[in-house]
Amino acid sequence: MKLIPCPLNGLRNAEEFVCGGEVQPEPDASQLSAADWAQHVFHRDNRAGLVREWWLHVPSGYWFIAERDTLSDRFLRSYPASELFAKRTPVGPAEPGDR
């Protein structure tokens, strides 16, 4: 059984996770054309070697970042997204108090 290190839940069975793709810098969407935005959303480098990826622990709904060697499929490190992203980017309608 393959185990994945979740920063919130510890070592868990790999079947409990979904990979969300490479971590990329977030562009200013208001400055991008539709084609550039599509490139950002759908294009991935798919590099061999060390990559930084988004991972979701499905049972808890917890998103985190993992550094993984794609050649060996070995997880080198996992950590909360807050280590890279100090401010959360809102998605969807504003919540009360955000206005």
PDB file of N, CA and C in Angstrom:
ATOM      1  N   MET A   1       0.841  -1.172   0.000  1.00  0.00           N
ATOM      2  CA  MET A   1       0.000   0.000   0.000  1.00  0.00           C
ATOM      3  C   MET A   1       0.894   1.246   0.000  1.00  0.00           C
ATOM      4  N   LYS A   2       0.605   2.168  -0.920  1.00  0.00           N
ATOM      5  CA  LYS A   2       1.353   3.412  -1.003  1.00  0.00           C
ATOM      6  C   LYS A   2       0.745   4.414  -0.023  1.00  0.00           C
ATOM      7  N   LEU A   3       1.608   5.107   0.709  1.00  0.00           N
ATOM      8  CA  LEU A   3       1.169   6.112   1.674  1.00  0.00           C
ATOM      9  C   LEU A   3       1.606   7.494   1.219  1.00  0.00           C
ATOM     10  N   ILE A   4       0.758   8.483   1.490  1.00  0.00           N
ATOM     11  CA  ILE A   4       1.058   9.878   1.167  1.00  0.00           C
ATOM     12  C   ILE A   4       1.042  10.667   2.465  1.00  0.00           C
ATOM     13  N   PRO A   5       2.071  11.513   2.680  1.00  0.00           N
ATOM     14  CA  PRO A   5       2.117  12.310   3.914  1.00  0.00           C
ATOM     15  C   PRO A   5       1.245  13.559   3.813  1.00  0.00           C
ATOM     16  N   CYS A   6       0.167  13.583   4.569  1.00  0.00           N
ATOM     17  CA  CYS A   6      -0.717  14.746   4.618  1.00  0.00           C
ATOM     18  C   CYS A   6      -0.335  15.580   5.839  1.00  0.00           C
ATOM     19  N   PRO A   7      -0.126  16.890   5.680  1.00  0.00           N
ATOM     20  CA  PRO A   7       0.265  17.702   6.834  1.00  0.00           C
ATOM     21  C   PRO A   7      -0.807  17.783   7.920  1.00  0.00           C
ATOM     22  N   LEU A   8      -2.059  17.546   7.560  1.00  0.00           N
ATOM     23  CA  LEU A   8      -3.143  17.601   8.541  1.00  0.00           C
ATOM     24  C   LEU A   8      -3.446  16.241   9.145  1.00  0.00           C
ATOM     25  N   ASN A   9      -3.436  15.200   8.314  1.00  0.00           N
ATOM     26  CA  ASN A   9      -3.897  13.877   8.742  1.00  0.00           C
ATOM     27  C   ASN A   9      -2.798  12.830   8.891  1.00  0.00           C
ATOM     28  N   GLY A  10      -1.549  13.191   8.616  1.00  0.00           N
ATOM     29  CA  GLY A  10      -0.453  12.235   8.717  1.00  0.00           C
ATOM     30  C   GLY A  10      -0.401  11.315   7.508  1.00  0.00           C
ATOM     31  N   LEU A  11       0.301  10.193   7.650  1.00  0.00           N
ATOM     32  CA  LEU A  11       0.413   9.235   6.545  1.00  0.00           C
ATOM     33  C   LEU A  11      -0.934   8.559   6.313  1.00  0.00           C
ATOM     34  N   ARG A  12      -1.400   8.635   5.063  1.00  0.00           N
ATOM     35  CA  ARG A  12      -2.695   8.061   4.705  1.00  0.00           C
ATOM     36  C   ARG A  12      -2.559   7.278   3.404  1.00  0.00           C
ATOM     37  N   ASN A  13      -3.474   6.359   3.186  1.00  0.00           N
ATOM     38  CA  ASN A  13      -3.508   5.546   1.979  1.00  0.00           C
ATOM     39  C   ASN A  13      -3.641   6.463   0.763  1.00  0.00           C
ATOM     40  N   ALA A  14      -2.866   6.196  -0.279  1.00  0.00           N
ATOM     41  CA  ALA A  14      -2.868   7.026  -1.488  1.00  0.00           C
ATOM     42  C   ALA A  14      -4.244   7.093  -2.150  1.00  0.00           C
ATOM     43  N   GLU A  15      -5.080   6.095  -1.938  1.00  0.00           N
ATOM     44  CA  GLU A  15      -6.416   6.095  -2.539  1.00  0.00           C
ATOM     45  C   GLU A  15      -7.313   7.201  -1.981  1.00  0.00           C
ATOM     46  N   GLU A  16      -6.896   7.842  -0.890  1.00  0.00           N
ATOM     47  CA  GLU A  16      -7.671   8.925  -0.284  1.00  0.00           C
ATOM     48  C   GLU A  16      -7.356  10.286  -0.899  1.00  0.00           C
ATOM     49  N   PHE A  17      -6.455  10.343  -1.887  1.00  0.00           N
ATOM     50  CA  PHE A  17      -5.974  11.613  -2.412  1.00  0.00           C
ATOM     51  C   PHE A  17      -6.249  11.783  -3.898  1.00  0.00           C
ATOM     52  N   VAL A  18      -6.289  13.051  -4.302  1.00  0.00           N
ATOM     53  CA  VAL A  18      -6.389  13.429  -5.705  1.00  0.00           C
ATOM     54  C   VAL A  18      -5.343  14.522  -5.945  1.00  0.00           C
ATOM     55  N   CYS A  19      -4.597  14.390  -7.028  1.00  0.00           N
ATOM     56  CA  CYS A  19      -3.623  15.412  -7.381  1.00  0.00           C
ATOM     57  C   CYS A  19      -4.327  16.541  -8.127  1.00  0.00           C
ATOM     58  N   GLY A  20      -4.039  17.779  -7.730  1.00  0.00           N
ATOM     59  CA  GLY A  20      -4.661  18.949  -8.350  1.00  0.00           C
ATOM     60  C   GLY A  20      -3.774  19.652  -9.356  1.00  0.00           C
ATOM     61  N   GLY A  21      -2.627  19.083  -9.679  1.00  0.00           N
ATOM     62  CA  GLY A  21      -1.745  19.683 -10.671  1.00  0.00           C
ATOM     63  C   GLY A  21      -0.634  20.515 -10.054  1.00  0.00           C
ATOM     64  N   GLU A  22       0.199  21.024 -10.930  1.00  0.00           N
ATOM     65  CA  GLU A  22       1.371  21.797 -10.506  1.00  0.00           C
ATOM     66  C   GLU A  22       0.969  23.102  -9.842  1.00  0.00           C
ATOM     67  N   VAL A  23       1.754  23.509  -8.858  1.00  0.00           N
ATOM     68  CA  VAL A  23       1.587  24.828  -8.260  1.00  0.00           C
ATOM     69  C   VAL A  23       2.205  25.830  -9.225  1.00  0.00           C
ATOM     70  N   GLN A  24       1.435  26.838  -9.575  1.00  0.00           N
ATOM     71  CA  GLN A  24       1.910  27.870 -10.497  1.00  0.00           C
ATOM     72  C   GLN A  24       1.631  29.241  -9.908  1.00  0.00           C
ATOM     73  N   PRO A  25       2.433  30.232 -10.256  1.00  0.00           N
ATOM     74  CA  PRO A  25       2.126  31.593  -9.828  1.00  0.00           C
ATOM     75  C   PRO A  25       0.773  32.017 -10.391  1.00  0.00           C
ATOM     76  N   GLU A  26      -0.012  32.704  -9.587  1.00  0.00           N
ATOM     77  CA  GLU A  26      -1.330  33.137 -10.048  1.00  0.00           C
ATOM     78  C   GLU A  26      -1.215  34.455 -10.797  1.00  0.00           C
ATOM     79  N   PRO A  27      -1.599  34.459 -12.060  1.00  0.00           N
ATOM     80  CA  PRO A  27      -1.523  35.707 -12.826  1.00  0.00           C
ATOM     81  C   PRO A  27      -2.689  36.628 -12.470  1.00  0.00           C
ATOM     82  N   ASP A  28      -2.584  37.863 -12.868  1.00  0.00           N
ATOM     83  CA  ASP A  28      -3.683  38.813 -12.708  1.00  0.00           C
ATOM     84  C   ASP A  28      -4.671  38.544 -13.830  1.00  0.00           C
ATOM     85  N   ALA A  29      -5.770  37.881 -13.506  1.00  0.00           N
ATOM     86  CA  ALA A  29      -6.743  37.469 -14.517  1.00  0.00           C
ATOM     87  C   ALA A  29      -7.311  38.649 -15.292  1.00  0.00           C
ATOM     88  N   SER A  30      -7.352  39.817 -14.672  1.00  0.00           N
ATOM     89  CA  SER A  30      -7.906  40.981 -15.374  1.00  0.00           C
ATOM     90  C   SER A  30      -6.986  41.475 -16.479  1.00  0.00           C
ATOM     91  N   GLN A  31      -5.741  41.031 -16.491  1.00  0.00           N
ATOM     92  CA  GLN A  31      -4.772  41.459 -17.494  1.00  0.00           C
ATOM     93  C   GLN A  31      -4.521  40.413 -18.579  1.00  0.00           C
ATOM     94  N   LEU A  32      -5.250  39.284 -18.527  1.00  0.00           N
ATOM     95  CA  LEU A  32      -5.009  38.199 -19.476  1.00  0.00           C
ATOM     96  C   LEU A  32      -6.105  38.128 -20.530  1.00  0.00           C
ATOM     97  N   SER A  33      -5.718  37.734 -21.713  1.00  0.00           N
ATOM     98  CA  SER A  33      -6.710  37.432 -22.755  1.00  0.00           C
ATOM     99  C   SER A  33      -7.328  36.076 -22.417  1.00  0.00           C
ATOM    100  N   ALA A  34      -8.413  35.739 -23.085  1.00  0.00           N
ATOM    101  CA  ALA A  34      -9.051  34.439 -22.878  1.00  0.00           C
ATOM    102  C   ALA A  34      -8.078  33.310 -23.217  1.00  0.00           C
ATOM    103  N   ALA A  35      -7.299  33.487 -24.268  1.00  0.00           N
ATOM    104  CA  ALA A  35      -6.332  32.456 -24.659  1.00  0.00           C
ATOM    105  C   ALA A  35      -5.238  32.295 -23.610  1.00  0.00           C
ATOM    106  N   ASP A  36      -4.761  33.426 -23.057  1.00  0.00           N
ATOM    107  CA  ASP A  36      -3.734  33.352 -22.012  1.00  0.00           C
ATOM    108  C   ASP A  36      -4.282  32.693 -20.748  1.00  0.00           C
ATOM    109  N   TRP A  37      -5.535  33.016 -20.394  1.00  0.00           N
ATOM    110  CA  TRP A  37      -6.151  32.409 -19.206  1.00  0.00           C
ATOM    111  C   TRP A  37      -6.313  30.901 -19.419  1.00  0.00           C
ATOM    112  N   ALA A  38      -6.752  30.490 -20.600  1.00  0.00           N
ATOM    113  CA  ALA A  38      -6.885  29.066 -20.904  1.00  0.00           C
ATOM    114  C   ALA A  38      -5.519  28.373 -20.817  1.00  0.00           C
ATOM    115  N   GLN A  39      -4.490  29.032 -21.294  1.00  0.00           N
ATOM    116  CA  GLN A  39      -3.128  28.484 -21.204  1.00  0.00           C
ATOM    117  C   GLN A  39      -2.749  28.264 -19.735  1.00  0.00           C
ATOM    118  N   HIS A  40      -3.041  29.234 -18.889  1.00  0.00           N
ATOM    119  CA  HIS A  40      -2.711  29.119 -17.461  1.00  0.00           C
ATOM    120  C   HIS A  40      -3.494  27.987 -16.799  1.00  0.00           C
ATOM    121  N   VAL A  41      -4.770  27.891 -17.090  1.00  0.00           N
ATOM    122  CA  VAL A  41      -5.625  26.912 -16.432  1.00  0.00           C
ATOM    123  C   VAL A  41      -5.353  25.490 -16.906  1.00  0.00           C
ATOM    124  N   PHE A  42      -5.138  25.301 -18.209  1.00  0.00           N
ATOM    125  CA  PHE A  42      -5.096  23.955 -18.757  1.00  0.00           C
ATOM    126  C   PHE A  42      -3.713  23.430 -19.123  1.00  0.00           C
ATOM    127  N   HIS A  43      -2.733  24.295 -19.329  1.00  0.00           N
ATOM    128  CA  HIS A  43      -1.418  23.828 -19.760  1.00  0.00           C
ATOM    129  C   HIS A  43      -0.533  23.516 -18.554  1.00  0.00           C
ATOM    130  N   ARG A  44       0.110  22.380 -18.596  1.00  0.00           N
ATOM    131  CA  ARG A  44       1.049  21.981 -17.541  1.00  0.00           C
ATOM    132  C   ARG A  44       2.365  21.583 -18.192  1.00  0.00           C
ATOM    133  N   ASP A  45       3.450  21.858 -17.485  1.00  0.00           N
ATOM    134  CA  ASP A  45       4.767  21.499 -18.011  1.00  0.00           C
ATOM    135  C   ASP A  45       4.978  19.981 -18.047  1.00  0.00           C
ATOM    136  N   ASN A  46       4.421  19.286 -17.042  1.00  0.00           N
ATOM    137  CA  ASN A  46       4.566  17.829 -16.955  1.00  0.00           C
ATOM    138  C   ASN A  46       6.039  17.422 -16.973  1.00  0.00           C
ATOM    139  N   ARG A  47       6.821  18.130 -16.162  1.00  0.00           N
ATOM    140  CA  ARG A  47       8.263  17.877 -16.097  1.00  0.00           C
ATOM    141  C   ARG A  47       8.584  16.570 -15.381  1.00  0.00           C
ATOM    142  N   ALA A  48       9.675  15.967 -15.780  1.00  0.00           N
ATOM    143  CA  ALA A  48      10.204  14.817 -15.059  1.00  0.00           C
ATOM    144  C   ALA A  48      11.133  15.342 -13.972  1.00  0.00           C
ATOM    145  N   GLY A  49      11.020  14.776 -12.780  1.00  0.00           N
ATOM    146  CA  GLY A  49      11.870  15.205 -11.670  1.00  0.00           C
ATOM    147  C   GLY A  49      11.051  15.842 -10.562  1.00  0.00           C
ATOM    148  N   LEU A  50      11.670  16.748  -9.825  1.00  0.00           N
ATOM    149  CA  LEU A  50      11.030  17.372  -8.665  1.00  0.00           C
ATOM    150  C   LEU A  50       9.982  18.385  -9.109  1.00  0.00           C
ATOM    151  N   VAL A  51       8.747  18.211  -8.625  1.00  0.00           N
ATOM    152  CA  VAL A  51       7.666  19.152  -8.913  1.00  0.00           C
ATOM    153  C   VAL A  51       6.951  19.500  -7.608  1.00  0.00           C
ATOM    154  N   ARG A  52       6.344  20.665  -7.612  1.00  0.00           N
ATOM    155  CA  ARG A  52       5.521  21.116  -6.485  1.00  0.00           C
ATOM    156  C   ARG A  52       4.075  21.040  -6.966  1.00  0.00           C
ATOM    157  N   GLU A  53       3.234  20.270  -6.235  1.00  0.00           N
ATOM    158  CA  GLU A  53       1.877  20.003  -6.691  1.00  0.00           C
ATOM    159  C   GLU A  53       0.848  20.267  -5.594  1.00  0.00           C
ATOM    160  N   TRP A  54      -0.378  20.572  -6.046  1.00  0.00           N
ATOM    161  CA  TRP A  54      -1.532  20.635  -5.155  1.00  0.00           C
ATOM    162  C   TRP A  54      -2.049  19.219  -4.951  1.00  0.00           C
ATOM    163  N   TRP A  55      -2.387  18.866  -3.703  1.00  0.00           N
ATOM    164  CA  TRP A  55      -2.994  17.576  -3.402  1.00  0.00           C
ATOM    165  C   TRP A  55      -4.198  17.801  -2.498  1.00  0.00           C
ATOM    166  N   LEU A  56      -5.217  16.986  -2.703  1.00  0.00           N
ATOM    167  CA  LEU A  56      -6.427  17.042  -1.901  1.00  0.00           C
ATOM    168  C   LEU A  56      -6.602  15.731  -1.157  1.00  0.00           C
ATOM    169  N   HIS A  57      -6.739  15.820   0.176  1.00  0.00           N
ATOM    170  CA  HIS A  57      -7.139  14.653   0.957  1.00  0.00           C
ATOM    171  C   HIS A  57      -8.661  14.651   0.922  1.00  0.00           C
ATOM    172  N   VAL A  58      -9.244  13.758   0.128  1.00  0.00           N
ATOM    173  CA  VAL A  58     -10.680  13.790  -0.164  1.00  0.00           C
ATOM    174  C   VAL A  58     -11.553  13.651   1.087  1.00  0.00           C
ATOM    175  N   PRO A  59     -11.282  12.692   1.990  1.00  0.00           N
ATOM    176  CA  PRO A  59     -12.182  12.551   3.138  1.00  0.00           C
ATOM    177  C   PRO A  59     -12.289  13.802   4.013  1.00  0.00           C
ATOM    178  N   SER A  60     -11.203  14.556   4.139  1.00  0.00           N
ATOM    179  CA  SER A  60     -11.252  15.754   4.992  1.00  0.00           C
ATOM    180  C   SER A  60     -11.445  17.041   4.191  1.00  0.00           C
ATOM    181  N   GLY A  61     -11.299  16.966   2.862  1.00  0.00           N
ATOM    182  CA  GLY A  61     -11.430  18.170   2.038  1.00  0.00           C
ATOM    183  C   GLY A  61     -10.248  19.117   2.204  1.00  0.00           C
ATOM    184  N   TYR A  62      -9.108  18.609   2.647  1.00  0.00           N
ATOM    185  CA  TYR A  62      -7.937  19.436   2.941  1.00  0.00           C
ATOM    186  C   TYR A  62      -6.981  19.491   1.746  1.00  0.00           C
ATOM    187  N   TRP A  63      -6.759  20.712   1.235  1.00  0.00           N
ATOM    188  CA  TRP A  63      -5.789  20.937   0.158  1.00  0.00           C
ATOM    189  C   TRP A  63      -4.445  21.296   0.761  1.00  0.00           C
ATOM    190  N   PHE A  64      -3.380  20.746   0.205  1.00  0.00           N
ATOM    191  CA  PHE A  64      -2.031  21.054   0.663  1.00  0.00           C
ATOM    192  C   PHE A  64      -1.077  20.972  -0.518  1.00  0.00           C
ATOM    193  N   ILE A  65       0.165  21.298  -0.270  1.00  0.00           N
ATOM    194  CA  ILE A  65       1.188  21.268  -1.310  1.00  0.00           C
ATOM    195  C   ILE A  65       2.192  20.170  -0.976  1.00  0.00           C
ATOM    196  N   ALA A  66       2.582  19.434  -2.004  1.00  0.00           N
ATOM    197  CA  ALA A  66       3.585  18.386  -1.838  1.00  0.00           C
ATOM    198  C   ALA A  66       4.674  18.564  -2.879  1.00  0.00           C
ATOM    199  N   GLU A  67       5.877  18.268  -2.482  1.00  0.00           N
ATOM    200  CA  GLU A  67       7.002  18.219  -3.414  1.00  0.00           C
ATOM    201  C   GLU A  67       7.259  16.750  -3.688  1.00  0.00           C
ATOM    202  N   ARG A  68       7.187  16.386  -4.983  1.00  0.00           N
ATOM    203  CA  ARG A  68       7.245  14.980  -5.370  1.00  0.00           C
ATOM    204  C   ARG A  68       8.202  14.799  -6.537  1.00  0.00           C
ATOM    205  N   ASP A  69       8.961  13.720  -6.493  1.00  0.00           N
ATOM    206  CA  ASP A  69       9.830  13.347  -7.605  1.00  0.00           C
ATOM    207  C   ASP A  69       8.994  12.495  -8.557  1.00  0.00           C
ATOM    208  N   THR A  70       8.690  13.024  -9.735  1.00  0.00           N
ATOM    209  CA  THR A  70       7.833  12.299 -10.669  1.00  0.00           C
ATOM    210  C   THR A  70       8.519  11.082 -11.290  1.00  0.00           C
ATOM    211  N   LEU A  71       9.835  11.025 -11.218  1.00  0.00           N
ATOM    212  CA  LEU A  71      10.544   9.861 -11.760  1.00  0.00           C
ATOM    213  C   LEU A  71      10.407   8.648 -10.842  1.00  0.00           C
ATOM    214  N   SER A  72      10.457   8.877  -9.539  1.00  0.00           N
ATOM    215  CA  SER A  72      10.347   7.775  -8.583  1.00  0.00           C
ATOM    216  C   SER A  72       8.978   7.728  -7.906  1.00  0.00           C
ATOM    217  N   ASP A  73       8.154   8.752  -8.109  1.00  0.00           N
ATOM    218  CA  ASP A  73       6.854   8.924  -7.446  1.00  0.00           C
ATOM    219  C   ASP A  73       7.019   8.986  -5.925  1.00  0.00           C
ATOM    220  N   ARG A  74       8.145   9.526  -5.492  1.00  0.00           N
ATOM    221  CA  ARG A  74       8.443   9.652  -4.060  1.00  0.00           C
ATOM    222  C   ARG A  74       8.092  11.052  -3.581  1.00  0.00           C
ATOM    223  N   PHE A  75       7.363  11.118  -2.472  1.00  0.00           N
ATOM    224  CA  PHE A  75       7.031  12.396  -1.851  1.00  0.00           C
ATOM    225  C   PHE A  75       8.186  12.816  -0.953  1.00  0.00           C
ATOM    226  N   LEU A  76       8.719  14.000  -1.213  1.00  0.00           N
ATOM    227  CA  LEU A  76       9.857  14.483  -0.439  1.00  0.00           C
ATOM    228  C   LEU A  76       9.420  15.353   0.721  1.00  0.00           C
ATOM    229  N   ARG A  77       8.314  16.070   0.524  1.00  0.00           N
ATOM    230  CA  ARG A  77       7.856  16.996   1.558  1.00  0.00           C
ATOM    231  C   ARG A  77       6.404  17.354   1.269  1.00  0.00           C
ATOM    232  N   SER A  78       5.624  17.580   2.318  1.00  0.00           N
ATOM    233  CA  SER A  78       4.272  18.117   2.159  1.00  0.00           C
ATOM    234  C   SER A  78       4.060  19.153   3.252  1.00  0.00           C
ATOM    235  N   TYR A  79       3.254  20.182   2.924  1.00  0.00           N
ATOM    236  CA  TYR A  79       3.067  21.274   3.870  1.00  0.00           C
ATOM    237  C   TYR A  79       1.791  22.042   3.546  1.00  0.00           C
ATOM    238  N   PRO A  80       1.277  22.802   4.530  1.00  0.00           N
ATOM    239  CA  PRO A  80       0.069  23.597   4.279  1.00  0.00           C
ATOM    240  C   PRO A  80       0.325  24.650   3.203  1.00  0.00           C
ATOM    241  N   ALA A  81      -0.679  24.949   2.417  1.00  0.00           N
ATOM    242  CA  ALA A  81      -0.558  25.955   1.361  1.00  0.00           C
ATOM    243  C   ALA A  81      -0.199  27.323   1.923  1.00  0.00           C
ATOM    244  N   SER A  82      -0.530  27.573   3.174  1.00  0.00           N
ATOM    245  CA  SER A  82      -0.231  28.871   3.788  1.00  0.00           C
ATOM    246  C   SER A  82       1.268  29.161   3.845  1.00  0.00           C
ATOM    247  N   GLU A  83       2.107  28.136   3.704  1.00  0.00           N
ATOM    248  CA  GLU A  83       3.553  28.381   3.663  1.00  0.00           C
ATOM    249  C   GLU A  83       3.964  29.109   2.388  1.00  0.00           C
ATOM    250  N   LEU A  84       3.190  28.941   1.312  1.00  0.00           N
ATOM    251  CA  LEU A  84       3.489  29.623   0.052  1.00  0.00           C
ATOM    252  C   LEU A  84       2.567  30.805  -0.206  1.00  0.00           C
ATOM    253  N   PHE A  85       1.344  30.686   0.243  1.00  0.00           N
ATOM    254  CA  PHE A  85       0.329  31.692  -0.061  1.00  0.00           C
ATOM    255  C   PHE A  85      -0.180  32.307   1.233  1.00  0.00           C
ATOM    256  N   ALA A  86       0.268  33.531   1.520  1.00  0.00           N
ATOM    257  CA  ALA A  86      -0.121  34.189   2.759  1.00  0.00           C
ATOM    258  C   ALA A  86      -1.570  34.635   2.724  1.00  0.00           C
ATOM    259  N   LYS A  87      -2.043  35.041   1.550  1.00  0.00           N
ATOM    260  CA  LYS A  87      -3.402  35.552   1.422  1.00  0.00           C
ATOM    261  C   LYS A  87      -4.204  34.635   0.512  1.00  0.00           C
ATOM    262  N   ARG A  88      -5.410  34.288   0.946  1.00  0.00           N
ATOM    263  CA  ARG A  88      -6.284  33.434   0.150  1.00  0.00           C
ATOM    264  C   ARG A  88      -6.946  34.275  -0.929  1.00  0.00           C
ATOM    265  N   THR A  89      -6.973  33.757  -2.143  1.00  0.00           N
ATOM    266  CA  THR A  89      -7.662  34.417  -3.242  1.00  0.00           C
ATOM    267  C   THR A  89      -9.105  33.959  -3.237  1.00  0.00           C
ATOM    268  N   PRO A  90     -10.058  34.881  -3.082  1.00  0.00           N
ATOM    269  CA  PRO A  90     -11.460  34.458  -3.045  1.00  0.00           C
ATOM    270  C   PRO A  90     -11.915  33.929  -4.398  1.00  0.00           C
ATOM    271  N   VAL A  91     -12.752  32.913  -4.354  1.00  0.00           N
ATOM    272  CA  VAL A  91     -13.338  32.334  -5.549  1.00  0.00           C
ATOM    273  C   VAL A  91     -14.842  32.302  -5.339  1.00  0.00           C
ATOM    274  N   GLY A  92     -15.588  32.807  -6.305  1.00  0.00           N
ATOM    275  CA  GLY A  92     -17.039  32.791  -6.175  1.00  0.00           C
ATOM    276  C   GLY A  92     -17.542  34.073  -5.540  1.00  0.00           C
ATOM    277  N   PRO A  93     -18.809  34.055  -5.131  1.00  0.00           N
ATOM    278  CA  PRO A  93     -19.408  35.282  -4.573  1.00  0.00           C
ATOM    279  C   PRO A  93     -18.747  35.687  -3.263  1.00  0.00           C
ATOM    280  N   ALA A  94     -18.722  36.978  -3.012  1.00  0.00           N
ATOM    281  CA  ALA A  94     -18.140  37.503  -1.778  1.00  0.00           C
ATOM    282  C   ALA A  94     -18.973  37.052  -0.588  1.00  0.00           C
ATOM    283  N   GLU A  95     -18.279  36.812   0.523  1.00  0.00           N
ATOM    284  CA  GLU A  95     -18.972  36.454   1.755  1.00  0.00           C
ATOM    285  C   GLU A  95     -19.314  37.730   2.514  1.00  0.00           C
ATOM    286  N   PRO A  96     -20.325  37.685   3.382  1.00  0.00           N
ATOM    287  CA  PRO A  96     -20.645  38.876   4.168  1.00  0.00           C
ATOM    288  C   PRO A  96     -19.413  39.364   4.918  1.00  0.00           C
ATOM    289  N   GLY A  97     -19.199  40.647   4.917  1.00  0.00           N
ATOM    290  CA  GLY A  97     -18.025  41.211   5.587  1.00  0.00           C
ATOM    291  C   GLY A  97     -16.835  41.395   4.671  1.00  0.00           C
ATOM    292  N   ASP A  98     -16.849  40.794   3.470  1.00  0.00           N
ATOM    293  CA  ASP A  98     -15.742  40.927   2.515  1.00  0.00           C
ATOM    294  C   ASP A  98     -15.878  42.180   1.667  1.00  0.00           C
ATOM    295  N   ARG A  99     -16.987  42.882   1.783  1.00  0.00           N
ATOM    296  CA  ARG A  99     -17.237  44.031   0.904  1.00  0.00           C
ATOM    297  C   ARG A  99     -16.646  45.291   1.445  1.00  0.00           C
TER     298      ARG A  99
END
